[in-house]
Amino acid sequence: MTGFSASDAALEGFRIARERPRVVMGWALFSLAASIAGALITFTMPKEAGAALEAIASEQAPDAQSLAEMLLAASPILVVGLLVQRMMDAAVYRLMLRDGDSRFAYLRLGPDELRLTALRLIYLVLAVLLISVVQFAIVLLAIVASAFGQGPMVFVASVGELVTVGVVVTVAVRMSLASVITFQTGRLAIFESWEATRGQFWSLLGVYALAMCCIVAAGLAVMVLFLMLAGLALVGTGGSLGDLNTIVQTKELTVQAVLNPYVLAWTLVGCMFTAIYSAVVAAPGAYIHRALGQQSVEPVAT
């Protein structure tokens, strides 16, 4: 199994953004169209679904039954959002692995995207089951430890939380190539990533950590720059810096709010950043998959 450059893999998405600006612009326009479609779906959804979305986004942790009801009520917008994200992932994979298929900025809605969506749904179910099993085992150990006093029980519970995080991170990293393998082979590759990433855990973890740190730093820099420019424009036109909060945190999707030039500018900046973020998140997997020589299966025809 060959190695790969962790820094090159982590920064591959930024390289795509630098070398393929027209493609990234196409992804940004797609993100804008998806945002508009999402807003229209939200407007036409029943009030119960809107309340469910707000509840899911809140910091309060609902019980299992309430969460299931919320997810069912908000399923239309959640499914659309999941499909849009997988279309962006597939576009990045297509650019890196099937570069000749460049129509529509590599964006499609076909079998590849549906397989990636199905894979993500399967992984969500498996993740819930895995966490539930680990948490159940921790509860049993805590009950046994309680026989020796409050201290041992608290210790077991605390260690158990760390173990849960460790298990989730380990499995997530080892399974991180599943999407690109599914895309490349044209079939659901649910467990193949585990073997493909054998002996590469720490390298992969470093790649993903570096990529996320870079994109977070870039996001903060973009936000600060936008707020500085918007603040200067507001003050120069007789406004106040207090209006900045309403620009970046629009609570009501009204026509007046959407047509606000500052809100429009912030939306366009957000769509562009979403496109770059998608490249930064998806590109490392394709880069690593290619570097590790996992392309023995010829790409399927589309």
Protein backbone atom coordinates (compact mmCIF):
# COMPACT_ATOMS: atom_id res chain seq x y z
CA MET A 1 0.00 0.00 0.00
CA THR A 2 1.57 3.27 -1.09
CA GLY A 3 1.64 6.40 1.02
CA PHE A 4 0.38 9.90 0.37
CA SER A 5 1.21 13.47 1.29
CA ALA A 6 -1.02 14.51 4.18
CA SER A 7 -0.62 18.21 3.45
CA ASP A 8 -1.34 17.79 -0.26
CA ALA A 9 -4.43 15.72 0.52
CA ALA A 10 -5.73 18.23 3.07
CA LEU A 11 -5.21 21.18 0.72
CA GLU A 12 -6.49 19.49 -2.44
CA GLY A 13 -9.84 21.27 -2.21
CA PHE A 14 -8.14 24.66 -2.06
CA ARG A 15 -6.03 23.68 -5.08
CA ILE A 16 -9.23 22.91 -7.01
CA ALA A 17 -10.68 26.28 -6.01
CA ARG A 18 -7.51 28.04 -7.19
CA GLU A 19 -7.09 26.17 -10.46
CA ARG A 20 -10.75 25.70 -11.45
CA PRO A 21 -12.47 28.99 -10.50
CA ARG A 22 -15.17 28.63 -13.18
CA VAL A 23 -16.14 25.22 -11.87
CA VAL A 24 -16.29 26.52 -8.30
CA MET A 25 -18.42 29.43 -9.52
CA GLY A 26 -20.78 26.90 -11.07
CA TRP A 27 -20.99 25.10 -7.74
CA ALA A 28 -21.70 28.40 -6.00
CA LEU A 29 -24.57 29.13 -8.41
CA PHE A 30 -25.91 25.63 -7.78
CA SER A 31 -25.68 26.28 -4.04
CA LEU A 32 -27.63 29.51 -4.53
CA ALA A 33 -30.31 27.70 -6.53
CA ALA A 34 -30.50 25.00 -3.86
CA SER A 35 -30.89 27.67 -1.16
CA ILE A 36 -33.75 29.27 -3.07
CA ALA A 37 -35.39 25.88 -3.60
CA GLY A 38 -34.97 25.10 0.10
CA ALA A 39 -36.60 28.40 1.05
CA LEU A 40 -39.54 27.68 -1.26
CA ILE A 41 -39.96 24.20 0.21
CA THR A 42 -39.84 25.66 3.72
CA PHE A 43 -42.53 28.21 2.81
CA THR A 44 -44.86 25.50 1.47
CA MET A 45 -44.26 23.01 4.29
CA PRO A 46 -46.91 22.65 7.06
CA LYS A 47 -46.35 24.63 10.24
CA GLU A 48 -45.57 21.40 12.10
CA ALA A 49 -42.62 20.76 9.79
CA GLY A 50 -41.28 24.28 10.31
CA ALA A 51 -41.56 23.84 14.06
CA ALA A 52 -39.74 20.51 13.74
CA LEU A 53 -36.85 22.15 11.89
CA GLU A 54 -36.53 24.79 14.61
CA ALA A 55 -36.63 22.09 17.29
CA ILE A 56 -33.93 20.04 15.54
CA ALA A 57 -31.73 23.14 15.25
CA SER A 58 -32.22 24.02 18.93
CA GLU A 59 -29.71 23.06 21.58
CA GLN A 60 -32.23 21.01 23.55
CA ALA A 61 -31.84 17.23 23.20
CA PRO A 62 -35.27 15.62 22.58
CA ASP A 63 -36.12 12.06 23.53
CA ALA A 64 -36.02 9.33 20.88
CA GLN A 65 -39.76 9.42 20.13
CA SER A 66 -39.86 13.21 19.79
CA LEU A 67 -36.76 13.18 17.59
CA ALA A 68 -38.31 10.55 15.31
CA GLU A 69 -41.48 12.64 14.97
CA MET A 70 -39.44 15.77 14.22
CA LEU A 71 -37.36 14.01 11.57
CA LEU A 72 -40.48 12.59 9.92
CA ALA A 73 -42.17 16.00 9.80
CA ALA A 74 -39.08 17.72 8.41
CA SER A 75 -38.07 14.84 6.12
CA PRO A 76 -38.75 16.64 2.79
CA ILE A 77 -36.30 19.49 3.39
CA LEU A 78 -33.80 17.16 5.09
CA VAL A 79 -33.81 14.72 2.16
CA VAL A 80 -33.40 17.56 -0.34
CA GLY A 81 -30.52 18.98 1.68
CA LEU A 82 -28.85 15.57 1.89
CA LEU A 83 -29.23 15.02 -1.86
CA VAL A 84 -27.77 18.46 -2.65
CA GLN A 85 -24.75 17.72 -0.48
CA ARG A 86 -24.18 14.40 -2.21
CA MET A 87 -24.43 16.09 -5.61
CA MET A 88 -21.65 18.43 -4.55
CA ASP A 89 -19.55 15.49 -3.32
CA ALA A 90 -20.09 13.63 -6.60
CA ALA A 91 -19.10 16.74 -8.57
CA VAL A 92 -15.77 16.88 -6.73
CA TYR A 93 -15.19 13.14 -7.26
CA ARG A 94 -16.11 13.46 -10.94
CA LEU A 95 -13.66 16.33 -11.41
CA MET A 96 -10.83 14.36 -9.80
CA LEU A 97 -11.57 10.87 -11.13
CA ARG A 98 -13.47 11.48 -14.39
CA ASP A 99 -12.15 14.84 -15.48
CA GLY A 100 -13.37 14.42 -19.06
CA ASP A 101 -16.99 14.44 -17.91
CA SER A 102 -17.07 18.19 -17.21
CA ARG A 103 -20.56 19.18 -18.37
CA PHE A 104 -22.63 21.39 -16.04
CA ALA A 105 -19.61 21.98 -13.77
CA TYR A 106 -19.50 18.21 -13.12
CA LEU A 107 -22.92 18.37 -11.42
CA ARG A 108 -25.45 15.61 -12.07
CA LEU A 109 -28.52 14.02 -10.55
CA GLY A 110 -28.26 10.36 -11.40
CA PRO A 111 -27.31 6.92 -10.08
CA ASP A 112 -24.03 8.11 -8.56
CA GLU A 113 -25.75 10.78 -6.47
CA LEU A 114 -28.56 8.44 -5.43
CA ARG A 115 -26.06 5.79 -4.33
CA LEU A 116 -24.13 8.36 -2.28
CA THR A 117 -27.37 9.51 -0.68
CA ALA A 118 -28.38 5.94 0.13
CA LEU A 119 -24.92 5.28 1.56
CA ARG A 120 -25.16 8.29 3.86
CA LEU A 121 -28.61 7.21 5.09
CA ILE A 122 -27.29 3.70 5.78
CA TYR A 123 -24.36 5.16 7.68
CA LEU A 124 -26.66 7.36 9.75
CA VAL A 125 -28.63 4.29 10.83
CA LEU A 126 -25.45 2.33 11.57
CA ALA A 127 -24.03 5.27 13.54
CA VAL A 128 -27.14 5.44 15.71
CA LEU A 129 -26.94 1.68 16.33
CA LEU A 130 -23.22 1.83 17.14
CA ILE A 131 -23.59 4.70 19.59
CA SER A 132 -26.60 3.02 21.20
CA VAL A 133 -24.65 -0.24 21.74
CA VAL A 134 -21.63 1.59 23.18
CA GLN A 135 -23.79 3.71 25.46
CA PHE A 136 -25.71 0.63 26.64
CA ALA A 137 -22.45 -1.11 27.53
CA ILE A 138 -21.28 1.98 29.43
CA VAL A 139 -24.55 2.13 31.39
CA LEU A 140 -24.16 -1.53 32.39
CA LEU A 141 -20.57 -0.91 33.53
CA ALA A 142 -21.66 2.18 35.48
CA ILE A 143 -24.36 0.16 37.24
CA VAL A 144 -21.80 -2.47 38.21
CA ALA A 145 -19.36 0.23 39.35
CA SER A 146 -22.04 1.88 41.48
CA ALA A 147 -21.84 -1.11 43.80
CA PHE A 148 -18.39 0.13 44.82
CA GLY A 149 -19.51 3.70 45.46
CA GLN A 150 -20.30 7.00 43.75
CA GLY A 151 -16.69 7.69 42.76
CA PRO A 152 -16.15 4.56 40.64
CA MET A 153 -19.51 5.06 38.94
CA VAL A 154 -18.66 8.66 37.96
CA PHE A 155 -15.23 7.53 36.77
CA VAL A 156 -16.70 4.79 34.57
CA ALA A 157 -19.28 7.22 33.14
CA SER A 158 -16.60 9.81 32.35
CA VAL A 159 -14.26 7.29 30.76
CA GLY A 160 -17.24 5.87 28.89
CA GLU A 161 -17.94 9.20 27.22
CA LEU A 162 -14.33 9.41 26.07
CA VAL A 163 -14.54 5.85 24.77
CA THR A 164 -17.72 6.72 22.86
CA VAL A 165 -16.02 9.67 21.19
CA GLY A 166 -12.98 7.54 20.41
CA VAL A 167 -15.06 4.76 18.86
CA VAL A 168 -17.08 7.21 16.75
CA VAL A 169 -13.96 9.02 15.51
CA THR A 170 -12.14 5.77 14.75
CA VAL A 171 -15.03 4.28 12.79
CA ALA A 172 -15.69 7.58 10.97
CA VAL A 173 -12.06 7.86 9.85
CA ARG A 174 -11.77 4.21 8.82
CA MET A 175 -15.02 4.47 6.84
CA SER A 176 -14.19 7.86 5.33
CA LEU A 177 -13.36 6.48 1.87
CA ALA A 178 -16.71 4.71 1.48
CA SER A 179 -18.26 7.53 -0.55
CA VAL A 180 -15.46 7.80 -3.09
CA ILE A 181 -15.22 4.00 -3.42
CA THR A 182 -18.98 3.86 -3.99
CA PHE A 183 -18.68 6.56 -6.63
CA GLN A 184 -15.71 4.92 -8.35
CA THR A 185 -17.06 1.35 -8.41
CA GLY A 186 -20.69 2.20 -9.15
CA ARG A 187 -22.05 0.11 -6.27
CA LEU A 188 -22.72 0.58 -2.59
CA ALA A 189 -19.40 0.06 -0.81
CA ILE A 190 -20.55 -0.04 2.79
CA PHE A 191 -17.59 -1.79 4.43
CA GLU A 192 -14.80 -1.71 1.81
CA SER A 193 -13.30 1.44 3.29
CA TRP A 194 -12.34 -0.40 6.47
CA GLU A 195 -9.87 -2.59 4.61
CA ALA A 196 -8.73 0.21 2.30
CA THR A 197 -7.72 2.40 5.26
CA ARG A 198 -5.94 -0.33 7.24
CA GLY A 199 -2.76 1.10 8.78
CA GLN A 200 -3.62 4.65 7.69
CA PHE A 201 -5.74 5.88 10.63
CA TRP A 202 -3.40 8.52 12.03
CA SER A 203 -2.45 9.83 8.60
CA LEU A 204 -6.12 10.12 7.65
CA LEU A 205 -7.00 11.79 10.94
CA GLY A 206 -4.23 14.32 10.39
CA VAL A 207 -5.48 15.05 6.87
CA TYR A 208 -9.05 15.67 7.96
CA ALA A 209 -8.02 17.71 10.98
CA LEU A 210 -5.73 19.92 8.86
CA ALA A 211 -8.42 20.37 6.20
CA MET A 212 -11.02 21.38 8.78
CA CYS A 213 -8.65 23.79 10.52
CA CYS A 214 -7.83 25.44 7.19
CA ILE A 215 -11.45 25.80 6.11
CA VAL A 216 -12.48 27.16 9.53
CA ALA A 217 -9.64 29.70 9.39
CA ALA A 218 -10.65 30.66 5.84
CA GLY A 219 -14.28 30.99 6.90
CA LEU A 220 -13.40 33.26 9.80
CA ALA A 221 -11.22 35.40 7.55
CA VAL A 222 -14.01 35.74 4.98
CA MET A 223 -16.52 36.67 7.66
CA VAL A 224 -14.25 39.27 9.26
CA LEU A 225 -13.45 40.83 5.87
CA PHE A 226 -17.11 40.94 4.86
CA LEU A 227 -18.20 42.46 8.18
CA MET A 228 -15.47 45.09 7.93
CA LEU A 229 -16.50 46.12 4.41
CA ALA A 230 -20.21 45.96 5.19
CA GLY A 231 -19.68 47.97 8.37
CA LEU A 232 -17.80 50.69 6.50
CA ALA A 233 -20.55 50.79 3.84
CA LEU A 234 -23.30 51.00 6.47
CA VAL A 235 -21.61 53.80 8.38
CA GLY A 236 -20.86 55.63 5.14
CA THR A 237 -24.54 55.50 4.10
CA GLY A 238 -25.91 56.65 7.45
CA GLY A 239 -26.53 53.24 8.97
CA SER A 240 -25.15 51.73 12.16
CA LEU A 241 -22.92 48.81 12.99
CA GLY A 242 -25.83 47.26 14.88
CA ASP A 243 -27.41 46.42 11.52
CA LEU A 244 -24.64 43.90 10.84
CA ASN A 245 -26.32 41.36 13.10
CA THR A 246 -29.53 41.47 11.06
CA ILE A 247 -27.52 40.91 7.86
CA VAL A 248 -25.75 37.71 8.92
CA GLN A 249 -28.61 36.37 11.05
CA THR A 250 -31.79 37.02 9.08
CA LYS A 251 -34.58 35.40 11.10
CA GLU A 252 -37.48 35.96 8.71
CA LEU A 253 -37.37 35.12 5.00
CA THR A 254 -39.44 38.04 3.72
CA VAL A 255 -39.14 39.65 0.29
CA GLN A 256 -37.87 42.86 1.88
CA ALA A 257 -35.20 41.00 3.85
CA VAL A 258 -34.05 38.92 0.88
CA LEU A 259 -33.80 41.96 -1.43
CA ASN A 260 -31.67 43.86 1.07
CA PRO A 261 -28.39 44.45 -0.83
CA TYR A 262 -26.29 43.56 2.19
CA VAL A 263 -28.24 40.33 2.74
CA LEU A 264 -27.85 39.52 -0.96
CA ALA A 265 -24.11 40.13 -0.76
CA TRP A 266 -23.84 37.95 2.35
CA THR A 267 -25.86 35.20 0.63
CA LEU A 268 -23.58 35.25 -2.42
CA VAL A 269 -20.48 35.14 -0.21
CA GLY A 270 -22.04 32.22 1.68
CA CYS A 271 -22.76 30.31 -1.54
CA MET A 272 -19.21 30.81 -2.76
CA PHE A 273 -17.84 29.65 0.57
CA THR A 274 -20.18 26.63 0.50
CA ALA A 275 -18.74 25.64 -2.88
CA ILE A 276 -15.17 25.89 -1.59
CA TYR A 277 -16.13 24.09 1.63
CA SER A 278 -17.61 21.21 -0.39
CA ALA A 279 -14.37 20.90 -2.35
CA VAL A 280 -12.22 21.01 0.78
CA VAL A 281 -14.33 18.36 2.54
CA ALA A 282 -14.74 15.94 -0.39
CA ALA A 283 -11.40 16.28 -2.20
CA PRO A 284 -9.14 14.65 0.45
CA GLY A 285 -11.03 11.35 0.20
CA ALA A 286 -10.66 11.22 -3.58
CA TYR A 287 -7.00 12.23 -3.36
CA ILE A 288 -6.23 9.55 -0.75
CA HIS A 289 -8.21 6.89 -2.60
CA ARG A 290 -6.27 7.62 -5.76
CA ALA A 291 -2.92 7.73 -3.93
CA LEU A 292 -3.52 4.43 -2.15
CA GLY A 293 -4.06 2.73 -5.48
CA GLN A 294 -7.66 1.73 -4.85
CA GLN A 295 -8.71 2.29 -8.47
CA SER A 296 -8.28 -1.25 -9.70
CA VAL A 297 -11.92 -1.22 -10.80
CA GLU A 298 -12.52 0.81 -13.93
CA PRO A 299 -14.90 3.79 -13.56
CA VAL A 300 -18.46 2.96 -14.50
CA ALA A 301 -19.89 4.65 -17.57
CA THR A 302 -22.35 7.46 -16.99
